[in-house]
Amino acid sequence: MRPRRLRSSSAVRELVAENHVRSSDLIYPIFVREGLSSPREIESMPGVFQHSEASLLVEIDEVLALGIRSVMLFAIPEHRDEVGSEALNENGILARSVRAVKERVGDRLVVIADLCLDEFTSHGHCGVLCSSGDVDNDLTLMKYSEMARVLGKAGADMLGLSGMMDNQVAAVRESLDQAGLQDVAILAYAAKYASAFYGPFRDAVESQLTGDRRGYQQDPRNRKEAAREVLLDIEQGADIVMVKPALSYLDIVSDIASLSNVPVAAYVVSGEYAMVELAASVGLIDRDRSIFEILHSVKRSGASLICTYWAKDYARRDHIGNL
């Protein structure tokens, strides 16, 4: 036996490759910051920017031209309060951005709006706090339900439920349906872990987090818990389920892909991105090959969709697959 025959040239390797990442498999996260007049690079995430409302639309045009078919919008408001009031503002920065992008692209691009309160609260948590300082799950669900209606009416094709509140999918699905927004889909962050790899993202959204989120995000030591969370979200109406982060949780991605009857997504998060960028910047690794390898590891583990800050880079460099 000579297995090397099927590795003998780039053409042969391409012919027999078991997994392929296409530009259309990628979800590109974009940050829009209220009050900016021009894009501002995020120091801890080189190559990633907070966009102004004007530069957001320029970015959207580039994304479409590269063959990417989905974006996830995160918004940073100028003003925050204890209950995240700006998240419910029909003319707030996130709703405005969703509306502007949909007016620009129509049905050519899937617009996913992040549905969470952390960017909008002065304490940085994903929900409303009770007197003990913990997140009040059910009061937060009321806020999520209202936020869902605001974003659905603004034109979002899909809502990214990232807060990890119990029964958030059921609450949002019911709210959308009652508002006549049955066609708005739900991407549930069904297995979101309390990870150290979110650090740069908190710079990106100027998070004011006090404490941590271990009371509602999953314990990194647990595996079975993820299956329970995912099955509950599917039962409650999730159209897509997400695992976050991706690289330290490829076993979870594989588990979920084997049990889910809806598409599975995985999010290569800010810290994972930053580590590669830093190592590549000092010549320790080949950046393009590392991106290729990482994205294909996520696809190989079972994710059909990958949320990544490298979406544009990968779409520009499909030829890096010829290793």
C-alpha atoms as a PDB file:
ATOM      1  CA  MET A   1       0.000   0.000   0.000  1.00  0.00           C
ATOM      2  CA  ARG A   2       1.232   3.471  -0.914  1.00  0.00           C
ATOM      3  CA  PRO A   3      -1.101   6.130   0.520  1.00  0.00           C
ATOM      4  CA  ARG A   4       1.331   8.837  -0.607  1.00  0.00           C
ATOM      5  CA  ARG A   5       0.024   8.425  -4.169  1.00  0.00           C
ATOM      6  CA  LEU A   6      -2.949  10.540  -3.153  1.00  0.00           C
ATOM      7  CA  ARG A   7      -0.648  13.301  -1.838  1.00  0.00           C
ATOM      8  CA  SER A   8       1.659  13.452  -4.839  1.00  0.00           C
ATOM      9  CA  SER A   9       0.622  16.872  -6.207  1.00  0.00           C
ATOM     10  CA  SER A  10      -1.550  19.818  -5.308  1.00  0.00           C
ATOM     11  CA  ALA A  11      -4.076  18.755  -7.967  1.00  0.00           C
ATOM     12  CA  VAL A  12      -4.366  15.249  -6.532  1.00  0.00           C
ATOM     13  CA  ARG A  13      -4.611  16.555  -2.978  1.00  0.00           C
ATOM     14  CA  GLU A  14      -7.393  18.913  -4.039  1.00  0.00           C
ATOM     15  CA  LEU A  15      -9.211  16.115  -5.839  1.00  0.00           C
ATOM     16  CA  VAL A  16      -9.367  13.858  -2.782  1.00  0.00           C
ATOM     17  CA  ALA A  17      -9.694  16.490  -0.031  1.00  0.00           C
ATOM     18  CA  GLU A  18     -12.385  15.400   2.395  1.00  0.00           C
ATOM     19  CA  ASN A  19     -13.396  18.876   3.553  1.00  0.00           C
ATOM     20  CA  HIS A  20     -13.622  22.248   1.856  1.00  0.00           C
ATOM     21  CA  VAL A  21     -14.232  25.685   3.384  1.00  0.00           C
ATOM     22  CA  ARG A  22     -16.021  27.997   0.981  1.00  0.00           C
ATOM     23  CA  SER A  23     -16.409  31.742   1.309  1.00  0.00           C
ATOM     24  CA  SER A  24     -20.153  31.181   1.605  1.00  0.00           C
ATOM     25  CA  ASP A  25     -19.567  29.005   4.713  1.00  0.00           C
ATOM     26  CA  LEU A  26     -18.177  31.991   6.606  1.00  0.00           C
ATOM     27  CA  ILE A  27     -19.900  34.515   8.853  1.00  0.00           C
ATOM     28  CA  TYR A  28     -18.000  37.798   9.163  1.00  0.00           C
ATOM     29  CA  PRO A  29     -18.341  39.723  12.461  1.00  0.00           C
ATOM     30  CA  ILE A  30     -18.460  43.513  12.099  1.00  0.00           C
ATOM     31  CA  PHE A  31     -18.356  46.147  14.843  1.00  0.00           C
ATOM     32  CA  VAL A  32     -20.062  49.511  14.380  1.00  0.00           C
ATOM     33  CA  ARG A  33     -19.380  52.240  16.922  1.00  0.00           C
ATOM     34  CA  GLU A  34     -21.775  55.115  17.451  1.00  0.00           C
ATOM     35  CA  GLY A  35     -20.177  58.543  17.055  1.00  0.00           C
ATOM     36  CA  LEU A  36     -17.167  57.520  14.966  1.00  0.00           C
ATOM     37  CA  SER A  37     -16.357  59.557  11.861  1.00  0.00           C
ATOM     38  CA  SER A  38     -13.939  56.985  10.399  1.00  0.00           C
ATOM     39  CA  PRO A  39     -12.870  53.378  11.083  1.00  0.00           C
ATOM     40  CA  ARG A  40     -10.712  52.768  14.155  1.00  0.00           C
ATOM     41  CA  GLU A  41      -8.450  49.732  14.407  1.00  0.00           C
ATOM     42  CA  ILE A  42      -8.852  47.613  17.537  1.00  0.00           C
ATOM     43  CA  GLU A  43      -5.435  47.527  19.183  1.00  0.00           C
ATOM     44  CA  SER A  44      -5.671  43.954  20.453  1.00  0.00           C
ATOM     45  CA  MET A  45      -7.096  42.682  17.148  1.00  0.00           C
ATOM     46  CA  PRO A  46      -4.836  43.956  14.343  1.00  0.00           C
ATOM     47  CA  GLY A  47      -6.697  44.189  11.057  1.00  0.00           C
ATOM     48  CA  VAL A  48     -10.125  44.388  12.740  1.00  0.00           C
ATOM     49  CA  PHE A  49     -11.895  47.730  13.066  1.00  0.00           C
ATOM     50  CA  GLN A  50     -14.674  49.514  14.823  1.00  0.00           C
ATOM     51  CA  HIS A  51     -16.600  51.038  11.936  1.00  0.00           C
ATOM     52  CA  SER A  52     -18.475  54.273  11.586  1.00  0.00           C
ATOM     53  CA  GLU A  53     -21.989  54.057  10.203  1.00  0.00           C
ATOM     54  CA  ALA A  54     -20.650  55.227   6.839  1.00  0.00           C
ATOM     55  CA  SER A  55     -17.654  52.876   6.698  1.00  0.00           C
ATOM     56  CA  LEU A  56     -19.905  49.981   7.700  1.00  0.00           C
ATOM     57  CA  LEU A  57     -21.593  50.188   4.308  1.00  0.00           C
ATOM     58  CA  VAL A  58     -18.247  50.290   2.497  1.00  0.00           C
ATOM     59  CA  GLU A  59     -17.259  47.152   4.409  1.00  0.00           C
ATOM     60  CA  ILE A  60     -20.519  45.480   3.448  1.00  0.00           C
ATOM     61  CA  ASP A  61     -19.861  46.166  -0.249  1.00  0.00           C
ATOM     62  CA  GLU A  62     -16.420  44.539   0.053  1.00  0.00           C
ATOM     63  CA  VAL A  63     -17.820  41.518   1.869  1.00  0.00           C
ATOM     64  CA  LEU A  64     -20.352  40.896  -0.890  1.00  0.00           C
ATOM     65  CA  ALA A  65     -17.738  41.317  -3.611  1.00  0.00           C
ATOM     66  CA  LEU A  66     -15.623  38.600  -1.958  1.00  0.00           C
ATOM     67  CA  GLY A  67     -18.428  36.050  -2.028  1.00  0.00           C
ATOM     68  CA  ILE A  68     -19.170  36.100   1.703  1.00  0.00           C
ATOM     69  CA  ARG A  69     -22.890  35.764   2.269  1.00  0.00           C
ATOM     70  CA  SER A  70     -23.373  36.458   5.967  1.00  0.00           C
ATOM     71  CA  VAL A  71     -22.329  39.082   8.506  1.00  0.00           C
ATOM     72  CA  MET A  72     -22.894  39.378  12.245  1.00  0.00           C
ATOM     73  CA  LEU A  73     -23.365  42.924  13.481  1.00  0.00           C
ATOM     74  CA  PHE A  74     -22.237  44.127  16.912  1.00  0.00           C
ATOM     75  CA  ALA A  75     -22.877  47.696  18.004  1.00  0.00           C
ATOM     76  CA  ILE A  76     -21.227  49.947  20.574  1.00  0.00           C
ATOM     77  CA  PRO A  77     -23.495  52.789  21.771  1.00  0.00           C
ATOM     78  CA  GLU A  78     -22.296  56.123  23.083  1.00  0.00           C
ATOM     79  CA  HIS A  79     -24.425  55.828  26.206  1.00  0.00           C
ATOM     80  CA  ARG A  80     -24.992  52.834  28.505  1.00  0.00           C
ATOM     81  CA  ASP A  81     -27.035  52.261  31.619  1.00  0.00           C
ATOM     82  CA  GLU A  82     -27.765  49.522  34.161  1.00  0.00           C
ATOM     83  CA  VAL A  83     -30.520  47.913  32.088  1.00  0.00           C
ATOM     84  CA  GLY A  84     -29.123  48.372  28.564  1.00  0.00           C
ATOM     85  CA  SER A  85     -31.852  50.725  27.406  1.00  0.00           C
ATOM     86  CA  GLU A  86     -30.187  51.501  24.064  1.00  0.00           C
ATOM     87  CA  ALA A  87     -30.588  47.856  23.043  1.00  0.00           C
ATOM     88  CA  LEU A  88     -34.343  48.451  22.919  1.00  0.00           C
ATOM     89  CA  ASN A  89     -34.134  51.737  21.024  1.00  0.00           C
ATOM     90  CA  GLU A  90     -35.721  51.424  17.578  1.00  0.00           C
ATOM     91  CA  ASN A  91     -33.408  54.200  16.404  1.00  0.00           C
ATOM     92  CA  GLY A  92     -30.386  53.021  18.378  1.00  0.00           C
ATOM     93  CA  ILE A  93     -27.059  52.196  16.803  1.00  0.00           C
ATOM     94  CA  LEU A  94     -27.703  48.470  16.292  1.00  0.00           C
ATOM     95  CA  ALA A  95     -31.203  48.833  14.849  1.00  0.00           C
ATOM     96  CA  ARG A  96     -30.008  51.713  12.632  1.00  0.00           C
ATOM     97  CA  SER A  97     -27.109  49.659  11.363  1.00  0.00           C
ATOM     98  CA  VAL A  98     -29.273  46.635  10.587  1.00  0.00           C
ATOM     99  CA  ARG A  99     -31.733  48.839   8.723  1.00  0.00           C
ATOM    100  CA  ALA A 100     -29.006  50.570   6.715  1.00  0.00           C
ATOM    101  CA  VAL A 101     -27.314  47.315   5.716  1.00  0.00           C
ATOM    102  CA  LYS A 102     -30.569  45.679   4.640  1.00  0.00           C
ATOM    103  CA  GLU A 103     -31.486  48.728   2.590  1.00  0.00           C
ATOM    104  CA  ARG A 104     -28.084  48.437   0.930  1.00  0.00           C
ATOM    105  CA  VAL A 105     -28.043  44.716   0.174  1.00  0.00           C
ATOM    106  CA  GLY A 106     -31.599  43.399   0.267  1.00  0.00           C
ATOM    107  CA  ASP A 107     -31.596  39.607   0.168  1.00  0.00           C
ATOM    108  CA  ARG A 108     -28.051  39.290  -1.197  1.00  0.00           C
ATOM    109  CA  LEU A 109     -26.600  39.032   2.311  1.00  0.00           C
ATOM    110  CA  VAL A 110     -27.792  37.341   5.509  1.00  0.00           C
ATOM    111  CA  VAL A 111     -27.675  39.929   8.272  1.00  0.00           C
ATOM    112  CA  ILE A 112     -27.353  38.456  11.763  1.00  0.00           C
ATOM    113  CA  ALA A 113     -27.850  40.917  14.610  1.00  0.00           C
ATOM    114  CA  ASP A 114     -26.246  40.148  17.959  1.00  0.00           C
ATOM    115  CA  LEU A 115     -28.967  39.889  20.592  1.00  0.00           C
ATOM    116  CA  CYS A 116     -27.417  40.461  23.999  1.00  0.00           C
ATOM    117  CA  LEU A 117     -27.194  43.283  26.516  1.00  0.00           C
ATOM    118  CA  ASP A 118     -23.482  43.241  27.309  1.00  0.00           C
ATOM    119  CA  GLU A 119     -22.565  45.962  24.811  1.00  0.00           C
ATOM    120  CA  PHE A 120     -25.351  48.154  26.188  1.00  0.00           C
ATOM    121  CA  THR A 121     -25.084  47.777  29.963  1.00  0.00           C
ATOM    122  CA  SER A 122     -22.873  49.925  32.168  1.00  0.00           C
ATOM    123  CA  HIS A 123     -21.800  46.829  34.151  1.00  0.00           C
ATOM    124  CA  GLY A 124     -21.010  44.759  31.052  1.00  0.00           C
ATOM    125  CA  HIS A 125     -23.113  41.724  31.919  1.00  0.00           C
ATOM    126  CA  CYS A 126     -25.401  40.024  29.408  1.00  0.00           C
ATOM    127  CA  GLY A 127     -28.549  40.823  31.349  1.00  0.00           C
ATOM    128  CA  VAL A 128     -30.239  42.855  34.045  1.00  0.00           C
ATOM    129  CA  LEU A 129     -28.787  42.486  37.525  1.00  0.00           C
ATOM    130  CA  CYS A 130     -30.821  41.710  40.626  1.00  0.00           C
ATOM    131  CA  SER A 131     -30.056  43.087  44.096  1.00  0.00           C
ATOM    132  CA  SER A 132     -27.513  40.333  44.800  1.00  0.00           C
ATOM    133  CA  GLY A 133     -25.475  41.343  41.744  1.00  0.00           C
ATOM    134  CA  ASP A 134     -26.367  38.179  39.811  1.00  0.00           C
ATOM    135  CA  VAL A 135     -28.048  38.311  36.410  1.00  0.00           C
ATOM    136  CA  ASP A 136     -31.822  38.007  36.760  1.00  0.00           C
ATOM    137  CA  ASN A 137     -32.590  35.353  34.142  1.00  0.00           C
ATOM    138  CA  ASP A 138     -36.315  35.914  33.654  1.00  0.00           C
ATOM    139  CA  LEU A 139     -36.215  39.702  33.757  1.00  0.00           C
ATOM    140  CA  THR A 140     -33.450  39.525  31.170  1.00  0.00           C
ATOM    141  CA  LEU A 141     -35.661  37.353  28.962  1.00  0.00           C
ATOM    142  CA  MET A 142     -38.217  40.151  28.904  1.00  0.00           C
ATOM    143  CA  LYS A 143     -35.532  42.518  27.625  1.00  0.00           C
ATOM    144  CA  TYR A 144     -34.369  39.996  25.034  1.00  0.00           C
ATOM    145  CA  SER A 145     -37.931  39.555  23.805  1.00  0.00           C
ATOM    146  CA  GLU A 146     -38.334  43.279  23.268  1.00  0.00           C
ATOM    147  CA  MET A 147     -34.901  43.587  21.670  1.00  0.00           C
ATOM    148  CA  ALA A 148     -35.820  40.764  19.284  1.00  0.00           C
ATOM    149  CA  ARG A 149     -38.874  42.664  18.071  1.00  0.00           C
ATOM    150  CA  VAL A 150     -36.839  45.837  17.566  1.00  0.00           C
ATOM    151  CA  LEU A 151     -34.184  44.050  15.506  1.00  0.00           C
ATOM    152  CA  GLY A 152     -36.686  41.949  13.591  1.00  0.00           C
ATOM    153  CA  LYS A 153     -38.641  45.030  12.568  1.00  0.00           C
ATOM    154  CA  ALA A 154     -35.361  46.714  11.560  1.00  0.00           C
ATOM    155  CA  GLY A 155     -34.870  43.936   9.015  1.00  0.00           C
ATOM    156  CA  ALA A 156     -32.504  41.410  10.616  1.00  0.00           C
ATOM    157  CA  ASP A 157     -32.661  38.064   8.851  1.00  0.00           C
ATOM    158  CA  MET A 158     -31.405  36.254  11.927  1.00  0.00           C
ATOM    159  CA  LEU A 159     -30.759  36.989  15.587  1.00  0.00           C
ATOM    160  CA  GLY A 160     -27.624  35.729  17.332  1.00  0.00           C
ATOM    161  CA  LEU A 161     -28.741  34.875  20.865  1.00  0.00           C
ATOM    162  CA  SER A 162     -25.467  35.022  22.770  1.00  0.00           C
ATOM    163  CA  GLY A 163     -26.493  35.651  26.371  1.00  0.00           C
ATOM    164  CA  MET A 164     -26.759  32.026  27.600  1.00  0.00           C
ATOM    165  CA  MET A 165     -29.900  32.704  29.606  1.00  0.00           C
ATOM    166  CA  ASP A 166     -32.112  29.709  30.353  1.00  0.00           C
ATOM    167  CA  ASN A 167     -35.063  29.516  27.903  1.00  0.00           C
ATOM    168  CA  GLN A 168     -33.875  32.477  25.823  1.00  0.00           C
ATOM    169  CA  VAL A 169     -34.704  30.711  22.552  1.00  0.00           C
ATOM    170  CA  ALA A 170     -38.282  29.968  23.602  1.00  0.00           C
ATOM    171  CA  ALA A 171     -38.822  33.535  24.814  1.00  0.00           C
ATOM    172  CA  VAL A 172     -37.441  35.142  21.667  1.00  0.00           C
ATOM    173  CA  ARG A 173     -39.223  32.738  19.320  1.00  0.00           C
ATOM    174  CA  GLU A 174     -42.550  33.459  20.999  1.00  0.00           C
ATOM    175  CA  SER A 175     -41.924  37.212  20.910  1.00  0.00           C
ATOM    176  CA  LEU A 176     -41.037  37.179  17.222  1.00  0.00           C
ATOM    177  CA  ASP A 177     -44.017  35.028  16.274  1.00  0.00           C
ATOM    178  CA  GLN A 178     -46.459  37.181  18.207  1.00  0.00           C
ATOM    179  CA  ALA A 179     -45.109  40.251  16.404  1.00  0.00           C
ATOM    180  CA  GLY A 180     -45.648  38.646  13.000  1.00  0.00           C
ATOM    181  CA  LEU A 181     -41.910  38.105  12.520  1.00  0.00           C
ATOM    182  CA  GLN A 182     -42.078  34.358  11.937  1.00  0.00           C
ATOM    183  CA  ASP A 183     -39.459  34.497   9.172  1.00  0.00           C
ATOM    184  CA  VAL A 184     -36.735  35.906  11.417  1.00  0.00           C
ATOM    185  CA  ALA A 185     -34.424  32.999  12.221  1.00  0.00           C
ATOM    186  CA  ILE A 186     -32.590  32.254  15.477  1.00  0.00           C
ATOM    187  CA  LEU A 187     -28.904  31.402  15.682  1.00  0.00           C
ATOM    188  CA  ALA A 188     -28.496  30.196  19.248  1.00  0.00           C
ATOM    189  CA  TYR A 189     -25.153  30.333  21.034  1.00  0.00           C
ATOM    190  CA  ALA A 190     -26.166  27.013  22.489  1.00  0.00           C
ATOM    191  CA  ALA A 191     -22.786  25.954  23.903  1.00  0.00           C
ATOM    192  CA  LYS A 192     -20.958  29.118  24.914  1.00  0.00           C
ATOM    193  CA  TYR A 193     -18.172  28.607  27.395  1.00  0.00           C
ATOM    194  CA  ALA A 194     -16.802  30.969  30.040  1.00  0.00           C
ATOM    195  CA  SER A 195     -13.523  31.328  28.195  1.00  0.00           C
ATOM    196  CA  ALA A 196     -10.310  33.282  28.641  1.00  0.00           C
ATOM    197  CA  PHE A 197     -10.190  33.705  24.864  1.00  0.00           C
ATOM    198  CA  TYR A 198     -12.781  36.497  24.750  1.00  0.00           C
ATOM    199  CA  GLY A 199     -10.394  39.172  26.018  1.00  0.00           C
ATOM    200  CA  PRO A 200      -9.808  41.143  22.807  1.00  0.00           C
ATOM    201  CA  PHE A 201     -13.536  41.110  21.992  1.00  0.00           C
ATOM    202  CA  ARG A 202     -14.125  43.072  25.173  1.00  0.00           C
ATOM    203  CA  ASP A 203     -11.760  45.715  23.789  1.00  0.00           C
ATOM    204  CA  ALA A 204     -13.699  45.686  20.530  1.00  0.00           C
ATOM    205  CA  VAL A 205     -17.008  46.462  22.235  1.00  0.00           C
ATOM    206  CA  GLU A 206     -15.422  48.593  24.993  1.00  0.00           C
ATOM    207  CA  SER A 207     -16.869  46.241  27.595  1.00  0.00           C
ATOM    208  CA  GLN A 208     -17.231  47.571  31.122  1.00  0.00           C
ATOM    209  CA  LEU A 209     -17.569  44.106  32.639  1.00  0.00           C
ATOM    210  CA  THR A 210     -17.225  43.809  36.389  1.00  0.00           C
ATOM    211  CA  GLY A 211     -16.806  40.305  37.742  1.00  0.00           C
ATOM    212  CA  ASP A 212     -17.191  37.363  35.370  1.00  0.00           C
ATOM    213  CA  ARG A 213     -19.855  35.375  33.512  1.00  0.00           C
ATOM    214  CA  ARG A 214     -19.293  31.951  35.019  1.00  0.00           C
ATOM    215  CA  GLY A 215     -22.790  31.969  36.487  1.00  0.00           C
ATOM    216  CA  TYR A 216     -24.372  31.705  33.047  1.00  0.00           C
ATOM    217  CA  GLN A 217     -21.718  30.666  30.523  1.00  0.00           C
ATOM    218  CA  GLN A 218     -20.611  27.022  30.542  1.00  0.00           C
ATOM    219  CA  ASP A 219     -17.787  25.538  32.591  1.00  0.00           C
ATOM    220  CA  PRO A 220     -14.835  24.672  30.267  1.00  0.00           C
ATOM    221  CA  ARG A 221     -14.467  21.328  32.051  1.00  0.00           C
ATOM    222  CA  ASN A 222     -17.887  20.066  30.959  1.00  0.00           C
ATOM    223  CA  ARG A 223     -18.873  18.144  27.851  1.00  0.00           C
ATOM    224  CA  LYS A 224     -22.248  16.486  28.488  1.00  0.00           C
ATOM    225  CA  GLU A 225     -23.671  19.825  29.589  1.00  0.00           C
ATOM    226  CA  ALA A 226     -23.225  21.160  26.050  1.00  0.00           C
ATOM    227  CA  ALA A 227     -25.414  18.423  24.586  1.00  0.00           C
ATOM    228  CA  ARG A 228     -28.144  19.240  27.090  1.00  0.00           C
ATOM    229  CA  GLU A 229     -28.014  22.948  26.254  1.00  0.00           C
ATOM    230  CA  VAL A 230     -28.085  22.328  22.510  1.00  0.00           C
ATOM    231  CA  LEU A 231     -30.994  19.903  22.619  1.00  0.00           C
ATOM    232  CA  LEU A 232     -32.998  22.353  24.724  1.00  0.00           C
ATOM    233  CA  ASP A 233     -32.344  25.161  22.233  1.00  0.00           C
ATOM    234  CA  ILE A 234     -33.345  23.003  19.278  1.00  0.00           C
ATOM    235  CA  GLU A 235     -36.510  21.932  21.088  1.00  0.00           C
ATOM    236  CA  GLN A 236     -37.335  25.597  21.746  1.00  0.00           C
ATOM    237  CA  GLY A 237     -36.974  26.578  18.091  1.00  0.00           C
ATOM    238  CA  ALA A 238     -33.324  27.361  17.289  1.00  0.00           C
ATOM    239  CA  ASP A 239     -32.686  27.287  13.548  1.00  0.00           C
ATOM    240  CA  ILE A 240     -28.874  27.094  13.922  1.00  0.00           C
ATOM    241  CA  VAL A 241     -26.819  26.193  17.003  1.00  0.00           C
ATOM    242  CA  MET A 242     -23.383  27.657  17.751  1.00  0.00           C
ATOM    243  CA  VAL A 243     -20.375  26.463  19.736  1.00  0.00           C
ATOM    244  CA  LYS A 244     -18.109  29.208  21.096  1.00  0.00           C
ATOM    245  CA  PRO A 245     -15.095  29.294  21.224  1.00  0.00           C
ATOM    246  CA  ALA A 246     -14.091  26.895  18.453  1.00  0.00           C
ATOM    247  CA  LEU A 247     -10.491  25.774  18.794  1.00  0.00           C
ATOM    248  CA  SER A 248     -10.445  24.627  22.409  1.00  0.00           C
ATOM    249  CA  TYR A 249     -13.851  22.995  21.936  1.00  0.00           C
ATOM    250  CA  LEU A 250     -13.566  20.998  18.705  1.00  0.00           C
ATOM    251  CA  ASP A 251     -14.692  17.919  20.630  1.00  0.00           C
ATOM    252  CA  ILE A 252     -17.884  19.798  21.483  1.00  0.00           C
ATOM    253  CA  VAL A 253     -18.369  20.823  17.845  1.00  0.00           C
ATOM    254  CA  SER A 254     -18.035  17.169  16.846  1.00  0.00           C
ATOM    255  CA  ASP A 255     -20.501  16.039  19.528  1.00  0.00           C
ATOM    256  CA  ILE A 256     -23.067  18.640  18.548  1.00  0.00           C
ATOM    257  CA  ALA A 257     -22.741  17.908  14.835  1.00  0.00           C
ATOM    258  CA  SER A 258     -23.530  14.258  15.514  1.00  0.00           C
ATOM    259  CA  LEU A 259     -26.701  14.936  17.489  1.00  0.00           C
ATOM    260  CA  SER A 260     -28.096  18.103  15.881  1.00  0.00           C
ATOM    261  CA  ASN A 261     -30.753  18.092  13.175  1.00  0.00           C
ATOM    262  CA  VAL A 262     -30.142  21.788  12.430  1.00  0.00           C
ATOM    263  CA  PRO A 263     -26.972  23.429  11.030  1.00  0.00           C
ATOM    264  CA  VAL A 264     -24.030  23.757  13.424  1.00  0.00           C
ATOM    265  CA  ALA A 265     -21.836  26.869  13.588  1.00  0.00           C
ATOM    266  CA  ALA A 266     -18.626  27.546  15.499  1.00  0.00           C
ATOM    267  CA  TYR A 267     -17.035  30.892  16.385  1.00  0.00           C
ATOM    268  CA  VAL A 268     -13.258  31.309  16.112  1.00  0.00           C
ATOM    269  CA  VAL A 269     -13.084  34.000  18.767  1.00  0.00           C
ATOM    270  CA  SER A 270     -11.008  37.123  19.270  1.00  0.00           C
ATOM    271  CA  GLY A 271      -8.327  35.564  21.474  1.00  0.00           C
ATOM    272  CA  GLU A 272      -7.793  32.716  19.019  1.00  0.00           C
ATOM    273  CA  TYR A 273      -7.495  35.290  16.241  1.00  0.00           C
ATOM    274  CA  ALA A 274      -5.099  37.489  18.219  1.00  0.00           C
ATOM    275  CA  MET A 275      -2.746  34.632  19.119  1.00  0.00           C
ATOM    276  CA  VAL A 276      -2.246  33.726  15.470  1.00  0.00           C
ATOM    277  CA  GLU A 277      -1.820  37.344  14.415  1.00  0.00           C
ATOM    278  CA  LEU A 278       0.773  37.968  17.135  1.00  0.00           C
ATOM    279  CA  ALA A 279       2.758  34.816  16.370  1.00  0.00           C
ATOM    280  CA  ALA A 280       2.682  35.530  12.632  1.00  0.00           C
ATOM    281  CA  SER A 281       3.760  39.141  13.149  1.00  0.00           C
ATOM    282  CA  VAL A 282       7.071  38.013  14.653  1.00  0.00           C
ATOM    283  CA  GLY A 283       7.658  35.251  12.122  1.00  0.00           C
ATOM    284  CA  LEU A 284       6.904  32.270  14.337  1.00  0.00           C
ATOM    285  CA  ILE A 285       4.232  30.806  12.050  1.00  0.00           C
ATOM    286  CA  ASP A 286       3.019  31.151   8.460  1.00  0.00           C
ATOM    287  CA  ARG A 287      -0.135  33.237   8.760  1.00  0.00           C
ATOM    288  CA  ASP A 288      -1.981  32.060   5.642  1.00  0.00           C
ATOM    289  CA  ARG A 289      -1.299  28.389   6.240  1.00  0.00           C
ATOM    290  CA  SER A 290      -2.341  28.752   9.880  1.00  0.00           C
ATOM    291  CA  ILE A 291      -5.648  30.343   8.881  1.00  0.00           C
ATOM    292  CA  PHE A 292      -6.251  27.576   6.363  1.00  0.00           C
ATOM    293  CA  GLU A 293      -5.458  24.878   8.894  1.00  0.00           C
ATOM    294  CA  ILE A 294      -7.600  26.380  11.648  1.00  0.00           C
ATOM    295  CA  LEU A 295     -10.682  26.925   9.498  1.00  0.00           C
ATOM    296  CA  HIS A 296     -10.475  23.430   8.065  1.00  0.00           C
ATOM    297  CA  SER A 297     -10.082  21.939  11.535  1.00  0.00           C
ATOM    298  CA  VAL A 298     -13.388  23.542  12.486  1.00  0.00           C
ATOM    299  CA  LYS A 299     -15.060  22.320   9.310  1.00  0.00           C
ATOM    300  CA  ARG A 300     -13.566  18.846   9.761  1.00  0.00           C
ATOM    301  CA  SER A 301     -14.957  18.666  13.290  1.00  0.00           C
ATOM    302  CA  GLY A 302     -18.474  19.065  11.924  1.00  0.00           C
ATOM    303  CA  ALA A 303     -19.346  22.772  11.726  1.00  0.00           C
ATOM    304  CA  SER A 304     -21.092  23.746   8.519  1.00  0.00           C
ATOM    305  CA  LEU A 305     -20.731  27.474   9.307  1.00  0.00           C
ATOM    306  CA  ILE A 306     -17.728  29.288  10.755  1.00  0.00           C
ATOM    307  CA  CYS A 307     -17.856  32.738  12.296  1.00  0.00           C
ATOM    308  CA  THR A 308     -14.395  34.246  11.849  1.00  0.00           C
ATOM    309  CA  TYR A 309     -12.541  37.552  11.667  1.00  0.00           C
ATOM    310  CA  TRP A 310     -10.490  35.939   8.886  1.00  0.00           C
ATOM    311  CA  ALA A 311     -13.473  35.647   6.544  1.00  0.00           C
ATOM    312  CA  LYS A 312     -12.240  38.353   4.164  1.00  0.00           C
ATOM    313  CA  ASP A 313      -8.648  37.099   4.265  1.00  0.00           C
ATOM    314  CA  TYR A 314      -9.723  33.577   3.467  1.00  0.00           C
ATOM    315  CA  ALA A 315     -12.066  34.667   0.688  1.00  0.00           C
ATOM    316  CA  ARG A 316      -9.204  36.614  -0.925  1.00  0.00           C
ATOM    317  CA  ARG A 317      -6.763  33.731  -0.648  1.00  0.00           C
ATOM    318  CA  ASP A 318      -8.535  30.521  -1.627  1.00  0.00           C
ATOM    319  CA  HIS A 319      -5.264  29.514  -3.279  1.00  0.00           C
ATOM    320  CA  ILE A 320      -3.635  29.031   0.149  1.00  0.00           C
ATOM    321  CA  GLY A 321      -5.284  25.630   0.177  1.00  0.00           C
ATOM    322  CA  ASN A 322      -2.560  24.317  -2.139  1.00  0.00           C
ATOM    323  CA  LEU A 323      -0.273  23.159   0.647  1.00  0.00           C
END
